[in-house]
Amino acid sequence: MNLFRTPFFLPKFYPSLLWRVPTENKELYLTFDDGPMNGPTEFVLEELKKVKAKATFFCIGDNVSKHPDVFQKVIAQGHSAGNHTFNHLKGWSTSLEKYLNNIAQCETHIQSQLPVTGYQPLETGNQKPVTKFFRPPYGRITNAQIKALKYQYQIVMWDVLTHDYSKNIARQSCLNGTVKATRPGSIIVFHDSLKAERNLTYVLPKFLEHFTSQGYEFKSLG
């Protein structure tokens, strides 16, 4: 079993969550968790720009508040932003009320930094609302939390976890495992954080180069 790919049975248990985009085309969906952050996020943006890749950034509200200029760069370069709670809460050990309030707090900070053409109000006439995305920190979320969020957010999990945050995985192993696990439609998790920076700066450029040379396109979820 590839430790970098989500076990096949989890999407069957939680079919309302988005684990992978259903396509056989050469399309990949990069996601970056835990930013925005001076340094790592800016590195990611520069690497994405080199291959004209788009991605989705699952932002911690507290980091949006602390680094609004970096968040603005993410949006200005045409990437999507998703909610990752305000304080990186673990759903399994957080009450429903506290969890929802923390997500709402994050959303307030995200929307305050978006241009007027960002998230739109609820559907009016033939206009469709822009989908809002949420990713639970650590991938830990309860059924009650899923039920409470499902009408407001598309909850996004992943098909491939890079483990870039782990100090126990060598950089080359991180790259090899991630490349091997990736397939058309994969939603891949990197982290634009200081904790992941050592592996991120090594793996991401080589990952982008490998799949670009294979004819893949990198798209955002939004």
N, C-alpha and C. Protein backbone atom coordinates (compact mmCIF):
# COMPACT_ATOMS: atom_id res chain seq x y z
N MET A 1 0.83 -1.20 0.00
CA MET A 1 0.00 0.00 0.00
C MET A 1 0.87 1.25 0.00
N ASN A 2 0.54 2.21 -0.86
CA ASN A 2 1.28 3.46 -0.94
C ASN A 2 0.84 4.38 0.19
N LEU A 3 1.75 4.72 1.11
CA LEU A 3 1.42 5.53 2.26
C LEU A 3 1.07 6.97 1.89
N PHE A 4 1.38 7.34 0.65
CA PHE A 4 1.13 8.70 0.20
C PHE A 4 -0.26 8.88 -0.41
N ARG A 5 -0.95 7.77 -0.69
CA ARG A 5 -2.28 7.85 -1.28
C ARG A 5 -3.34 7.48 -0.24
N THR A 6 -4.45 8.18 -0.29
CA THR A 6 -5.56 7.91 0.63
C THR A 6 -6.09 6.50 0.42
N PRO A 7 -6.31 5.72 1.49
CA PRO A 7 -6.87 4.37 1.36
C PRO A 7 -8.18 4.39 0.58
N PHE A 8 -8.38 3.42 -0.28
CA PHE A 8 -9.51 3.41 -1.21
C PHE A 8 -10.86 3.41 -0.51
N PHE A 9 -10.92 2.90 0.72
CA PHE A 9 -12.21 2.75 1.38
C PHE A 9 -12.73 4.05 2.01
N LEU A 10 -11.87 5.01 2.27
CA LEU A 10 -12.33 6.25 2.92
C LEU A 10 -13.33 7.03 2.08
N PRO A 11 -13.09 7.22 0.78
CA PRO A 11 -14.11 7.90 -0.03
C PRO A 11 -15.45 7.17 -0.05
N LYS A 12 -15.42 5.86 0.12
CA LYS A 12 -16.68 5.10 0.15
C LYS A 12 -17.45 5.37 1.45
N PHE A 13 -16.73 5.57 2.54
CA PHE A 13 -17.36 5.88 3.82
C PHE A 13 -17.87 7.31 3.87
N TYR A 14 -17.19 8.21 3.16
CA TYR A 14 -17.56 9.64 3.19
C TYR A 14 -17.72 10.15 1.77
N PRO A 15 -18.77 9.71 1.07
CA PRO A 15 -18.92 10.05 -0.35
C PRO A 15 -19.25 11.51 -0.61
N SER A 16 -19.74 12.25 0.39
CA SER A 16 -20.07 13.66 0.17
C SER A 16 -18.84 14.56 0.18
N LEU A 17 -17.71 14.02 0.65
CA LEU A 17 -16.47 14.79 0.67
C LEU A 17 -15.75 14.61 -0.67
N LEU A 18 -15.01 15.64 -1.08
CA LEU A 18 -14.28 15.57 -2.34
C LEU A 18 -12.87 15.06 -2.10
N TRP A 19 -12.57 13.90 -2.66
CA TRP A 19 -11.27 13.26 -2.48
C TRP A 19 -10.41 13.35 -3.74
N ARG A 20 -11.07 13.33 -4.88
CA ARG A 20 -10.37 13.32 -6.17
C ARG A 20 -11.35 13.84 -7.21
N VAL A 21 -10.86 14.56 -8.19
CA VAL A 21 -11.71 15.06 -9.27
C VAL A 21 -11.88 13.94 -10.29
N PRO A 22 -13.12 13.56 -10.59
CA PRO A 22 -13.34 12.45 -11.53
C PRO A 22 -12.99 12.83 -12.97
N THR A 23 -11.84 12.45 -13.42
CA THR A 23 -11.40 12.73 -14.79
C THR A 23 -10.32 11.74 -15.19
N GLU A 24 -10.24 11.48 -16.47
CA GLU A 24 -9.15 10.68 -17.01
C GLU A 24 -8.18 11.57 -17.79
N ASN A 25 -8.49 12.87 -17.82
CA ASN A 25 -7.60 13.82 -18.50
C ASN A 25 -6.35 14.05 -17.65
N LYS A 26 -5.32 14.58 -18.27
CA LYS A 26 -4.08 14.86 -17.56
C LYS A 26 -4.23 16.18 -16.79
N GLU A 27 -4.98 16.10 -15.69
CA GLU A 27 -5.25 17.25 -14.84
C GLU A 27 -4.93 16.89 -13.39
N LEU A 28 -4.26 17.80 -12.71
CA LEU A 28 -3.94 17.62 -11.30
C LEU A 28 -4.38 18.85 -10.51
N TYR A 29 -4.68 18.62 -9.24
CA TYR A 29 -5.22 19.69 -8.39
C TYR A 29 -4.34 19.85 -7.15
N LEU A 30 -3.41 20.79 -7.24
CA LEU A 30 -2.52 21.07 -6.12
C LEU A 30 -3.25 21.89 -5.07
N THR A 31 -3.04 21.53 -3.81
CA THR A 31 -3.57 22.31 -2.70
C THR A 31 -2.45 22.55 -1.70
N PHE A 32 -2.53 23.70 -1.04
CA PHE A 32 -1.50 24.08 -0.07
C PHE A 32 -2.19 24.50 1.23
N ASP A 33 -1.83 23.83 2.31
CA ASP A 33 -2.48 24.06 3.61
C ASP A 33 -1.60 24.90 4.54
N ASP A 34 -2.27 25.61 5.44
CA ASP A 34 -1.67 26.24 6.63
C ASP A 34 -1.09 27.63 6.41
N GLY A 35 -1.09 28.15 5.19
CA GLY A 35 -0.64 29.52 4.97
C GLY A 35 -1.77 30.51 5.19
N PRO A 36 -1.61 31.73 4.70
CA PRO A 36 -0.42 32.23 4.01
C PRO A 36 0.71 32.57 4.98
N MET A 37 1.93 32.47 4.48
CA MET A 37 3.10 32.67 5.33
C MET A 37 4.22 33.34 4.53
N ASN A 38 4.82 34.36 5.10
CA ASN A 38 5.98 34.97 4.45
C ASN A 38 7.05 33.91 4.22
N GLY A 39 7.55 33.83 3.03
CA GLY A 39 8.59 32.86 2.70
C GLY A 39 8.01 31.67 1.96
N PRO A 40 7.44 30.68 2.66
CA PRO A 40 6.95 29.48 1.99
C PRO A 40 5.87 29.76 0.94
N THR A 41 4.88 30.59 1.28
CA THR A 41 3.82 30.86 0.31
C THR A 41 4.36 31.58 -0.90
N GLU A 42 5.25 32.52 -0.67
CA GLU A 42 5.83 33.27 -1.79
C GLU A 42 6.69 32.37 -2.67
N PHE A 43 7.39 31.42 -2.06
CA PHE A 43 8.15 30.43 -2.83
C PHE A 43 7.21 29.62 -3.72
N VAL A 44 6.11 29.15 -3.14
CA VAL A 44 5.13 28.37 -3.90
C VAL A 44 4.61 29.17 -5.09
N LEU A 45 4.25 30.40 -4.86
CA LEU A 45 3.71 31.23 -5.94
C LEU A 45 4.69 31.39 -7.08
N GLU A 46 5.96 31.57 -6.76
CA GLU A 46 6.97 31.71 -7.81
C GLU A 46 7.12 30.42 -8.62
N GLU A 47 7.10 29.27 -7.93
CA GLU A 47 7.23 27.99 -8.63
C GLU A 47 6.02 27.71 -9.51
N LEU A 48 4.83 28.03 -9.02
CA LEU A 48 3.62 27.82 -9.81
C LEU A 48 3.63 28.70 -11.05
N LYS A 49 4.09 29.91 -10.89
CA LYS A 49 4.12 30.85 -12.01
C LYS A 49 5.02 30.35 -13.14
N LYS A 50 6.09 29.67 -12.80
CA LYS A 50 7.05 29.19 -13.81
C LYS A 50 6.41 28.23 -14.81
N VAL A 51 5.42 27.45 -14.34
CA VAL A 51 4.79 26.46 -15.23
C VAL A 51 3.32 26.80 -15.49
N LYS A 52 2.93 28.04 -15.15
CA LYS A 52 1.56 28.52 -15.36
C LYS A 52 0.54 27.61 -14.69
N ALA A 53 0.86 27.18 -13.48
CA ALA A 53 -0.02 26.29 -12.72
C ALA A 53 -0.94 27.10 -11.81
N LYS A 54 -2.15 26.60 -11.62
CA LYS A 54 -3.08 27.17 -10.65
C LYS A 54 -3.28 26.17 -9.52
N ALA A 55 -3.62 26.68 -8.34
CA ALA A 55 -3.75 25.82 -7.16
C ALA A 55 -4.80 26.41 -6.23
N THR A 56 -5.10 25.65 -5.19
CA THR A 56 -6.04 26.08 -4.16
C THR A 56 -5.30 26.14 -2.83
N PHE A 57 -5.40 27.27 -2.15
CA PHE A 57 -4.72 27.49 -0.88
C PHE A 57 -5.74 27.44 0.26
N PHE A 58 -5.59 26.44 1.13
CA PHE A 58 -6.48 26.33 2.30
C PHE A 58 -5.82 27.10 3.44
N CYS A 59 -6.40 28.26 3.71
CA CYS A 59 -5.76 29.24 4.58
C CYS A 59 -6.26 29.18 6.02
N ILE A 60 -5.34 29.37 6.94
CA ILE A 60 -5.68 29.56 8.35
C ILE A 60 -6.02 31.04 8.54
N GLY A 61 -7.17 31.29 9.14
CA GLY A 61 -7.63 32.66 9.27
C GLY A 61 -6.67 33.56 10.02
N ASP A 62 -6.02 33.02 11.04
CA ASP A 62 -5.07 33.81 11.80
C ASP A 62 -3.89 34.24 10.93
N ASN A 63 -3.49 33.37 10.00
CA ASN A 63 -2.40 33.72 9.09
C ASN A 63 -2.83 34.73 8.04
N VAL A 64 -4.09 34.65 7.61
CA VAL A 64 -4.62 35.67 6.70
C VAL A 64 -4.57 37.04 7.37
N SER A 65 -4.93 37.05 8.66
CA SER A 65 -4.91 38.29 9.44
C SER A 65 -3.49 38.84 9.60
N LYS A 66 -2.54 37.95 9.82
CA LYS A 66 -1.15 38.37 10.05
C LYS A 66 -0.40 38.70 8.76
N HIS A 67 -0.78 38.05 7.65
CA HIS A 67 -0.05 38.22 6.40
C HIS A 67 -1.00 38.55 5.24
N PRO A 68 -1.76 39.63 5.37
CA PRO A 68 -2.73 39.96 4.32
C PRO A 68 -2.09 40.25 2.97
N ASP A 69 -0.87 40.77 2.98
CA ASP A 69 -0.19 41.06 1.72
C ASP A 69 0.14 39.78 0.95
N VAL A 70 0.51 38.73 1.68
CA VAL A 70 0.80 37.45 1.03
C VAL A 70 -0.49 36.83 0.50
N PHE A 71 -1.56 36.93 1.27
CA PHE A 71 -2.85 36.42 0.81
C PHE A 71 -3.28 37.14 -0.46
N GLN A 72 -3.08 38.43 -0.51
CA GLN A 72 -3.45 39.20 -1.70
C GLN A 72 -2.68 38.74 -2.93
N LYS A 73 -1.43 38.32 -2.74
CA LYS A 73 -0.64 37.79 -3.85
C LYS A 73 -1.25 36.49 -4.39
N VAL A 74 -1.72 35.66 -3.47
CA VAL A 74 -2.37 34.40 -3.87
C VAL A 74 -3.56 34.68 -4.78
N ILE A 75 -4.41 35.60 -4.36
CA ILE A 75 -5.61 35.93 -5.12
C ILE A 75 -5.26 36.64 -6.42
N ALA A 76 -4.32 37.57 -6.36
CA ALA A 76 -3.94 38.36 -7.54
C ALA A 76 -3.38 37.48 -8.65
N GLN A 77 -2.78 36.34 -8.28
CA GLN A 77 -2.20 35.46 -9.28
C GLN A 77 -3.18 34.40 -9.78
N GLY A 78 -4.45 34.54 -9.39
CA GLY A 78 -5.50 33.70 -9.96
C GLY A 78 -5.72 32.37 -9.29
N HIS A 79 -5.23 32.21 -8.07
CA HIS A 79 -5.44 30.97 -7.35
C HIS A 79 -6.71 31.05 -6.50
N SER A 80 -7.19 29.90 -6.06
CA SER A 80 -8.37 29.84 -5.21
C SER A 80 -7.98 29.80 -3.74
N ALA A 81 -8.86 30.31 -2.89
CA ALA A 81 -8.63 30.28 -1.44
C ALA A 81 -9.73 29.49 -0.77
N GLY A 82 -9.34 28.62 0.16
CA GLY A 82 -10.30 27.84 0.93
C GLY A 82 -10.09 28.06 2.42
N ASN A 83 -11.07 27.64 3.19
CA ASN A 83 -11.10 27.82 4.65
C ASN A 83 -10.46 26.60 5.33
N HIS A 84 -9.57 26.88 6.29
CA HIS A 84 -8.86 25.81 7.02
C HIS A 84 -8.95 26.06 8.53
N THR A 85 -10.04 26.71 8.95
CA THR A 85 -10.33 27.17 10.31
C THR A 85 -9.42 28.35 10.68
N PHE A 86 -9.76 29.03 11.75
CA PHE A 86 -8.98 30.19 12.16
C PHE A 86 -7.73 29.78 12.92
N ASN A 87 -7.81 28.69 13.69
CA ASN A 87 -6.68 28.29 14.56
C ASN A 87 -6.21 26.86 14.33
N HIS A 88 -6.52 26.27 13.15
CA HIS A 88 -6.09 24.91 12.84
C HIS A 88 -6.62 23.91 13.87
N LEU A 89 -7.93 23.94 14.06
CA LEU A 89 -8.56 23.08 15.05
C LEU A 89 -8.74 21.65 14.54
N LYS A 90 -8.58 20.71 15.44
CA LYS A 90 -8.85 19.30 15.13
C LYS A 90 -10.31 19.01 15.44
N GLY A 91 -11.07 18.65 14.42
CA GLY A 91 -12.51 18.46 14.58
C GLY A 91 -12.90 17.40 15.59
N TRP A 92 -12.13 16.33 15.67
CA TRP A 92 -12.49 15.23 16.55
C TRP A 92 -12.47 15.63 18.03
N SER A 93 -11.70 16.64 18.36
CA SER A 93 -11.59 17.04 19.77
C SER A 93 -12.15 18.44 20.03
N THR A 94 -13.02 18.89 19.14
CA THR A 94 -13.60 20.23 19.26
C THR A 94 -15.12 20.14 19.18
N SER A 95 -15.80 20.85 20.05
CA SER A 95 -17.27 20.83 20.04
C SER A 95 -17.79 21.43 18.74
N LEU A 96 -18.99 21.03 18.36
CA LEU A 96 -19.58 21.51 17.11
C LEU A 96 -19.69 23.04 17.10
N GLU A 97 -20.17 23.61 18.19
CA GLU A 97 -20.34 25.06 18.24
C GLU A 97 -19.00 25.79 18.09
N LYS A 98 -18.00 25.34 18.81
CA LYS A 98 -16.68 25.99 18.73
C LYS A 98 -16.09 25.83 17.34
N TYR A 99 -16.26 24.68 16.76
CA TYR A 99 -15.71 24.41 15.42
C TYR A 99 -16.35 25.33 14.39
N LEU A 100 -17.66 25.42 14.40
CA LEU A 100 -18.36 26.26 13.43
C LEU A 100 -18.03 27.73 13.61
N ASN A 101 -17.92 28.16 14.85
CA ASN A 101 -17.56 29.56 15.12
C ASN A 101 -16.15 29.88 14.62
N ASN A 102 -15.24 28.91 14.78
CA ASN A 102 -13.86 29.11 14.34
C ASN A 102 -13.79 29.19 12.81
N ILE A 103 -14.57 28.37 12.14
CA ILE A 103 -14.63 28.41 10.68
C ILE A 103 -15.21 29.74 10.21
N ALA A 104 -16.27 30.18 10.89
CA ALA A 104 -16.88 31.47 10.54
C ALA A 104 -15.90 32.62 10.74
N GLN A 105 -15.09 32.55 11.78
CA GLN A 105 -14.10 33.57 12.04
C GLN A 105 -13.07 33.60 10.91
N CYS A 106 -12.64 32.43 10.47
CA CYS A 106 -11.72 32.35 9.34
C CYS A 106 -12.36 32.92 8.09
N GLU A 107 -13.61 32.59 7.85
CA GLU A 107 -14.29 33.06 6.65
C GLU A 107 -14.39 34.58 6.61
N THR A 108 -14.62 35.18 7.77
CA THR A 108 -14.69 36.64 7.85
C THR A 108 -13.39 37.27 7.39
N HIS A 109 -12.27 36.71 7.82
CA HIS A 109 -10.97 37.26 7.43
C HIS A 109 -10.68 37.02 5.95
N ILE A 110 -11.06 35.86 5.43
CA ILE A 110 -10.85 35.58 4.01
C ILE A 110 -11.66 36.56 3.16
N GLN A 111 -12.93 36.69 3.48
CA GLN A 111 -13.79 37.53 2.65
C GLN A 111 -13.40 39.00 2.75
N SER A 112 -12.86 39.41 3.88
CA SER A 112 -12.46 40.81 4.02
C SER A 112 -11.29 41.16 3.12
N GLN A 113 -10.55 40.14 2.68
CA GLN A 113 -9.38 40.36 1.85
C GLN A 113 -9.63 40.08 0.37
N LEU A 114 -10.83 39.57 0.06
CA LEU A 114 -11.14 39.25 -1.34
C LEU A 114 -11.66 40.49 -2.06
N PRO A 115 -11.39 40.58 -3.36
CA PRO A 115 -11.95 41.69 -4.14
C PRO A 115 -13.47 41.55 -4.23
N VAL A 116 -14.11 42.59 -4.70
CA VAL A 116 -15.58 42.59 -4.80
C VAL A 116 -16.07 41.45 -5.67
N THR A 117 -15.25 41.02 -6.61
CA THR A 117 -15.64 39.94 -7.52
C THR A 117 -15.36 38.56 -6.93
N GLY A 118 -15.06 38.48 -5.64
CA GLY A 118 -14.78 37.20 -4.99
C GLY A 118 -16.04 36.40 -4.74
N TYR A 119 -16.20 35.87 -3.54
CA TYR A 119 -17.37 35.08 -3.22
C TYR A 119 -18.63 35.92 -3.40
N GLN A 120 -19.63 35.34 -4.06
CA GLN A 120 -20.87 36.06 -4.34
C GLN A 120 -21.95 35.65 -3.35
N PRO A 121 -23.02 36.48 -3.23
CA PRO A 121 -24.13 36.10 -2.36
C PRO A 121 -24.84 34.86 -2.89
N LEU A 122 -25.81 34.41 -2.15
CA LEU A 122 -26.57 33.23 -2.57
C LEU A 122 -27.22 33.47 -3.93
N GLU A 123 -27.53 32.38 -4.59
CA GLU A 123 -28.02 32.43 -5.96
C GLU A 123 -29.22 33.34 -6.11
N THR A 124 -29.16 34.20 -7.11
CA THR A 124 -30.30 35.05 -7.45
C THR A 124 -30.52 34.93 -8.94
N GLY A 125 -31.73 34.60 -9.34
CA GLY A 125 -32.00 34.40 -10.76
C GLY A 125 -31.20 33.25 -11.32
N ASN A 126 -30.50 33.50 -12.43
CA ASN A 126 -29.69 32.46 -13.07
C ASN A 126 -28.24 32.49 -12.63
N GLN A 127 -27.91 33.43 -11.75
CA GLN A 127 -26.52 33.54 -11.30
C GLN A 127 -26.21 32.46 -10.27
N LYS A 128 -25.14 31.72 -10.48
CA LYS A 128 -24.75 30.66 -9.55
C LYS A 128 -23.78 31.21 -8.52
N PRO A 129 -23.91 30.77 -7.25
CA PRO A 129 -22.95 31.23 -6.24
C PRO A 129 -21.60 30.58 -6.46
N VAL A 130 -20.54 31.29 -6.12
CA VAL A 130 -19.19 30.72 -6.18
C VAL A 130 -19.05 29.70 -5.06
N THR A 131 -18.54 28.52 -5.39
CA THR A 131 -18.39 27.47 -4.39
C THR A 131 -17.33 27.87 -3.37
N LYS A 132 -17.65 27.65 -2.09
CA LYS A 132 -16.66 27.86 -1.04
C LYS A 132 -16.13 26.50 -0.60
N PHE A 133 -14.84 26.47 -0.34
CA PHE A 133 -14.17 25.21 -0.01
C PHE A 133 -13.69 25.22 1.43
N PHE A 134 -13.79 24.07 2.07
CA PHE A 134 -13.30 23.90 3.43
C PHE A 134 -12.51 22.61 3.51
N ARG A 135 -11.35 22.68 4.17
CA ARG A 135 -10.60 21.46 4.46
C ARG A 135 -10.38 21.36 5.96
N PRO A 136 -10.78 20.26 6.58
CA PRO A 136 -10.57 20.10 8.01
C PRO A 136 -9.10 19.85 8.34
N PRO A 137 -8.52 20.62 9.26
CA PRO A 137 -7.13 20.36 9.67
C PRO A 137 -6.94 18.91 10.11
N TYR A 138 -5.83 18.33 9.75
CA TYR A 138 -5.49 16.93 10.04
C TYR A 138 -6.42 15.94 9.35
N GLY A 139 -7.38 16.43 8.56
CA GLY A 139 -8.37 15.55 7.96
C GLY A 139 -9.35 14.98 8.97
N ARG A 140 -9.43 15.61 10.15
CA ARG A 140 -10.28 15.10 11.24
C ARG A 140 -11.56 15.92 11.33
N ILE A 141 -12.68 15.27 11.06
CA ILE A 141 -13.96 15.94 11.10
C ILE A 141 -15.04 14.93 11.47
N THR A 142 -16.00 15.34 12.27
CA THR A 142 -17.05 14.43 12.72
C THR A 142 -18.23 14.47 11.76
N ASN A 143 -19.10 13.48 11.86
CA ASN A 143 -20.29 13.44 11.02
C ASN A 143 -21.20 14.63 11.29
N ALA A 144 -21.28 15.05 12.55
CA ALA A 144 -22.11 16.21 12.89
C ALA A 144 -21.54 17.48 12.25
N GLN A 145 -20.23 17.60 12.23
CA GLN A 145 -19.60 18.77 11.61
C GLN A 145 -19.81 18.76 10.09
N ILE A 146 -19.70 17.58 9.49
CA ILE A 146 -19.95 17.45 8.05
C ILE A 146 -21.38 17.88 7.73
N LYS A 147 -22.33 17.40 8.51
CA LYS A 147 -23.74 17.71 8.28
C LYS A 147 -24.00 19.20 8.40
N ALA A 148 -23.36 19.85 9.37
CA ALA A 148 -23.58 21.28 9.59
C ALA A 148 -22.96 22.14 8.50
N LEU A 149 -21.92 21.64 7.85
CA LEU A 149 -21.18 22.44 6.87
C LEU A 149 -21.58 22.18 5.42
N LYS A 150 -22.25 21.07 5.15
CA LYS A 150 -22.38 20.60 3.77
C LYS A 150 -23.17 21.53 2.86
N TYR A 151 -24.03 22.38 3.42
CA TYR A 151 -24.80 23.28 2.56
C TYR A 151 -24.07 24.59 2.29
N GLN A 152 -23.02 24.85 3.03
CA GLN A 152 -22.27 26.09 2.86
C GLN A 152 -20.93 25.88 2.17
N TYR A 153 -20.37 24.68 2.33
CA TYR A 153 -19.03 24.40 1.80
C TYR A 153 -18.98 23.07 1.07
N GLN A 154 -18.11 23.01 0.08
CA GLN A 154 -17.64 21.73 -0.42
C GLN A 154 -16.45 21.35 0.46
N ILE A 155 -16.58 20.25 1.19
CA ILE A 155 -15.49 19.80 2.06
C ILE A 155 -14.51 19.00 1.21
N VAL A 156 -13.26 19.45 1.22
CA VAL A 156 -12.23 18.87 0.35
C VAL A 156 -11.21 18.10 1.18
N MET A 157 -11.03 16.84 0.85
CA MET A 157 -10.00 16.03 1.47
C MET A 157 -8.83 15.91 0.48
N TRP A 158 -8.33 14.70 0.22
CA TRP A 158 -7.22 14.56 -0.72
C TRP A 158 -7.06 13.13 -1.18
N ASP A 159 -6.42 13.01 -2.33
CA ASP A 159 -6.06 11.71 -2.90
C ASP A 159 -4.61 11.39 -2.58
N VAL A 160 -3.77 12.44 -2.48
CA VAL A 160 -2.34 12.27 -2.24
C VAL A 160 -1.89 13.23 -1.14
N LEU A 161 -1.24 12.68 -0.13
CA LEU A 161 -0.66 13.47 0.96
C LEU A 161 0.86 13.39 0.85
N THR A 162 1.51 14.53 0.68
CA THR A 162 2.96 14.52 0.42
C THR A 162 3.82 14.22 1.65
N HIS A 163 3.26 14.42 2.84
CA HIS A 163 4.03 14.27 4.08
C HIS A 163 5.22 15.24 4.12
N ASP A 164 5.09 16.37 3.45
CA ASP A 164 6.19 17.33 3.41
C ASP A 164 6.51 17.93 4.77
N TYR A 165 5.57 17.85 5.70
CA TYR A 165 5.74 18.39 7.06
C TYR A 165 6.56 17.47 7.96
N SER A 166 6.79 16.25 7.54
CA SER A 166 7.43 15.25 8.39
C SER A 166 8.95 15.35 8.35
N LYS A 167 9.56 15.45 9.52
CA LYS A 167 11.01 15.46 9.63
C LYS A 167 11.59 14.06 9.48
N ASN A 168 10.72 13.05 9.51
CA ASN A 168 11.18 11.66 9.45
C ASN A 168 11.24 11.11 8.03
N ILE A 169 10.82 11.93 7.06
CA ILE A 169 10.84 11.49 5.66
C ILE A 169 11.89 12.28 4.90
N ALA A 170 12.82 11.59 4.29
CA ALA A 170 13.86 12.25 3.50
C ALA A 170 13.24 12.94 2.29
N ARG A 171 13.88 13.98 1.83
CA ARG A 171 13.31 14.77 0.75
C ARG A 171 13.09 13.95 -0.52
N GLN A 172 14.04 13.09 -0.85
CA GLN A 172 13.88 12.29 -2.06
C GLN A 172 12.76 11.26 -1.90
N SER A 173 12.63 10.71 -0.71
CA SER A 173 11.53 9.77 -0.46
C SER A 173 10.18 10.47 -0.54
N CYS A 174 10.14 11.69 -0.06
CA CYS A 174 8.93 12.50 -0.14
C CYS A 174 8.54 12.71 -1.61
N LEU A 175 9.51 13.05 -2.42
CA LEU A 175 9.26 13.25 -3.85
C LEU A 175 8.84 11.96 -4.53
N ASN A 176 9.58 10.89 -4.30
CA ASN A 176 9.28 9.62 -4.98
C ASN A 176 7.90 9.10 -4.61
N GLY A 177 7.56 9.15 -3.32
CA GLY A 177 6.26 8.65 -2.89
C GLY A 177 5.11 9.46 -3.44
N THR A 178 5.31 10.78 -3.51
CA THR A 178 4.25 11.65 -4.01
C THR A 178 4.03 11.45 -5.50
N VAL A 179 5.11 11.36 -6.25
CA VAL A 179 5.00 11.14 -7.70
C VAL A 179 4.32 9.80 -7.98
N LYS A 180 4.71 8.78 -7.26
CA LYS A 180 4.16 7.44 -7.50
C LYS A 180 2.66 7.38 -7.19
N ALA A 181 2.22 8.13 -6.19
CA ALA A 181 0.81 8.08 -5.78
C ALA A 181 -0.10 8.91 -6.67
N THR A 182 0.46 9.84 -7.41
CA THR A 182 -0.35 10.79 -8.18
C THR A 182 -0.88 10.16 -9.47
N ARG A 183 -2.14 10.48 -9.77
CA ARG A 183 -2.81 9.97 -10.97
C ARG A 183 -3.75 11.07 -11.49
N PRO A 184 -4.32 10.91 -12.68
CA PRO A 184 -5.23 11.94 -13.20
C PRO A 184 -6.35 12.27 -12.21
N GLY A 185 -6.57 13.55 -11.98
CA GLY A 185 -7.61 13.99 -11.07
C GLY A 185 -7.21 14.04 -9.61
N SER A 186 -5.96 13.68 -9.30
CA SER A 186 -5.53 13.68 -7.90
C SER A 186 -5.60 15.08 -7.30
N ILE A 187 -6.11 15.14 -6.07
CA ILE A 187 -6.00 16.33 -5.23
C ILE A 187 -4.82 16.08 -4.31
N ILE A 188 -3.82 16.93 -4.41
CA ILE A 188 -2.54 16.69 -3.73
C ILE A 188 -2.33 17.75 -2.66
N VAL A 189 -1.91 17.33 -1.47
CA VAL A 189 -1.69 18.25 -0.36
C VAL A 189 -0.21 18.52 -0.13
N PHE A 190 0.17 19.79 -0.30
CA PHE A 190 1.43 20.32 0.19
C PHE A 190 1.10 21.29 1.32
N HIS A 191 2.13 21.80 1.99
CA HIS A 191 1.93 22.76 3.07
C HIS A 191 2.86 23.95 2.86
N ASP A 192 2.27 25.14 2.74
CA ASP A 192 3.09 26.36 2.63
C ASP A 192 3.33 26.91 4.03
N SER A 193 4.09 26.15 4.79
CA SER A 193 4.36 26.46 6.19
C SER A 193 5.85 26.36 6.47
N LEU A 194 6.28 26.96 7.56
CA LEU A 194 7.69 26.87 7.96
C LEU A 194 8.08 25.44 8.30
N LYS A 195 7.15 24.70 8.89
CA LYS A 195 7.41 23.32 9.27
C LYS A 195 7.73 22.45 8.06
N ALA A 196 7.07 22.72 6.95
CA ALA A 196 7.22 21.89 5.75
C ALA A 196 8.27 22.43 4.79
N GLU A 197 8.84 23.58 5.09
CA GLU A 197 9.67 24.30 4.12
C GLU A 197 10.83 23.47 3.58
N ARG A 198 11.49 22.69 4.43
CA ARG A 198 12.65 21.91 3.98
C ARG A 198 12.28 20.95 2.86
N ASN A 199 11.20 20.19 3.04
CA ASN A 199 10.78 19.26 2.00
C ASN A 199 10.09 19.97 0.84
N LEU A 200 9.29 20.97 1.16
CA LEU A 200 8.54 21.70 0.14
C LEU A 200 9.46 22.29 -0.93
N THR A 201 10.53 22.94 -0.49
CA THR A 201 11.40 23.63 -1.44
C THR A 201 12.18 22.66 -2.33
N TYR A 202 12.31 21.43 -1.89
CA TYR A 202 12.98 20.41 -2.70
C TYR A 202 11.98 19.69 -3.61
N VAL A 203 10.84 19.32 -3.05
CA VAL A 203 9.90 18.45 -3.76
C VAL A 203 9.06 19.20 -4.79
N LEU A 204 8.51 20.35 -4.43
CA LEU A 204 7.56 21.01 -5.33
C LEU A 204 8.14 21.32 -6.71
N PRO A 205 9.32 21.94 -6.83
CA PRO A 205 9.83 22.22 -8.18
C PRO A 205 10.01 20.97 -9.03
N LYS A 206 10.49 19.91 -8.41
CA LYS A 206 10.72 18.66 -9.15
C LYS A 206 9.40 17.98 -9.49
N PHE A 207 8.43 18.07 -8.60
CA PHE A 207 7.10 17.52 -8.86
C PHE A 207 6.46 18.25 -10.04
N LEU A 208 6.51 19.56 -10.04
CA LEU A 208 5.94 20.35 -11.13
C LEU A 208 6.64 20.04 -12.45
N GLU A 209 7.95 19.94 -12.41
CA GLU A 209 8.72 19.66 -13.62
C GLU A 209 8.37 18.29 -14.19
N HIS A 210 8.27 17.30 -13.31
CA HIS A 210 7.97 15.93 -13.75
C HIS A 210 6.63 15.86 -14.47
N PHE A 211 5.59 16.39 -13.85
CA PHE A 211 4.25 16.23 -14.43
C PHE A 211 3.99 17.20 -15.58
N THR A 212 4.66 18.34 -15.57
CA THR A 212 4.56 19.24 -16.72
C THR A 212 5.17 18.58 -17.95
N SER A 213 6.29 17.89 -17.76
CA SER A 213 6.93 17.21 -18.88
C SER A 213 6.10 16.04 -19.40
N GLN A 214 5.19 15.55 -18.55
CA GLN A 214 4.29 14.45 -18.94
C GLN A 214 3.01 14.98 -19.60
N GLY A 215 2.92 16.32 -19.72
CA GLY A 215 1.75 16.91 -20.38
C GLY A 215 0.57 17.20 -19.45
N TYR A 216 0.81 17.20 -18.14
CA TYR A 216 -0.27 17.48 -17.20
C TYR A 216 -0.50 18.98 -17.04
N GLU A 217 -1.74 19.32 -16.73
CA GLU A 217 -2.14 20.70 -16.42
C GLU A 217 -2.52 20.77 -14.95
N PHE A 218 -2.10 21.83 -14.29
CA PHE A 218 -2.41 22.02 -12.87
C PHE A 218 -3.54 23.05 -12.74
N LYS A 219 -4.63 22.62 -12.12
CA LYS A 219 -5.82 23.48 -12.03
C LYS A 219 -6.19 23.74 -10.57
N SER A 220 -6.88 24.85 -10.35
CA SER A 220 -7.43 25.12 -9.03
C SER A 220 -8.82 24.51 -8.94
N LEU A 221 -9.29 24.33 -7.73
CA LEU A 221 -10.63 23.75 -7.55
C LEU A 221 -11.73 24.78 -7.82
N GLY A 222 -11.40 26.06 -7.62
CA GLY A 222 -12.40 27.11 -7.80
C GLY A 222 -12.46 27.61 -9.24
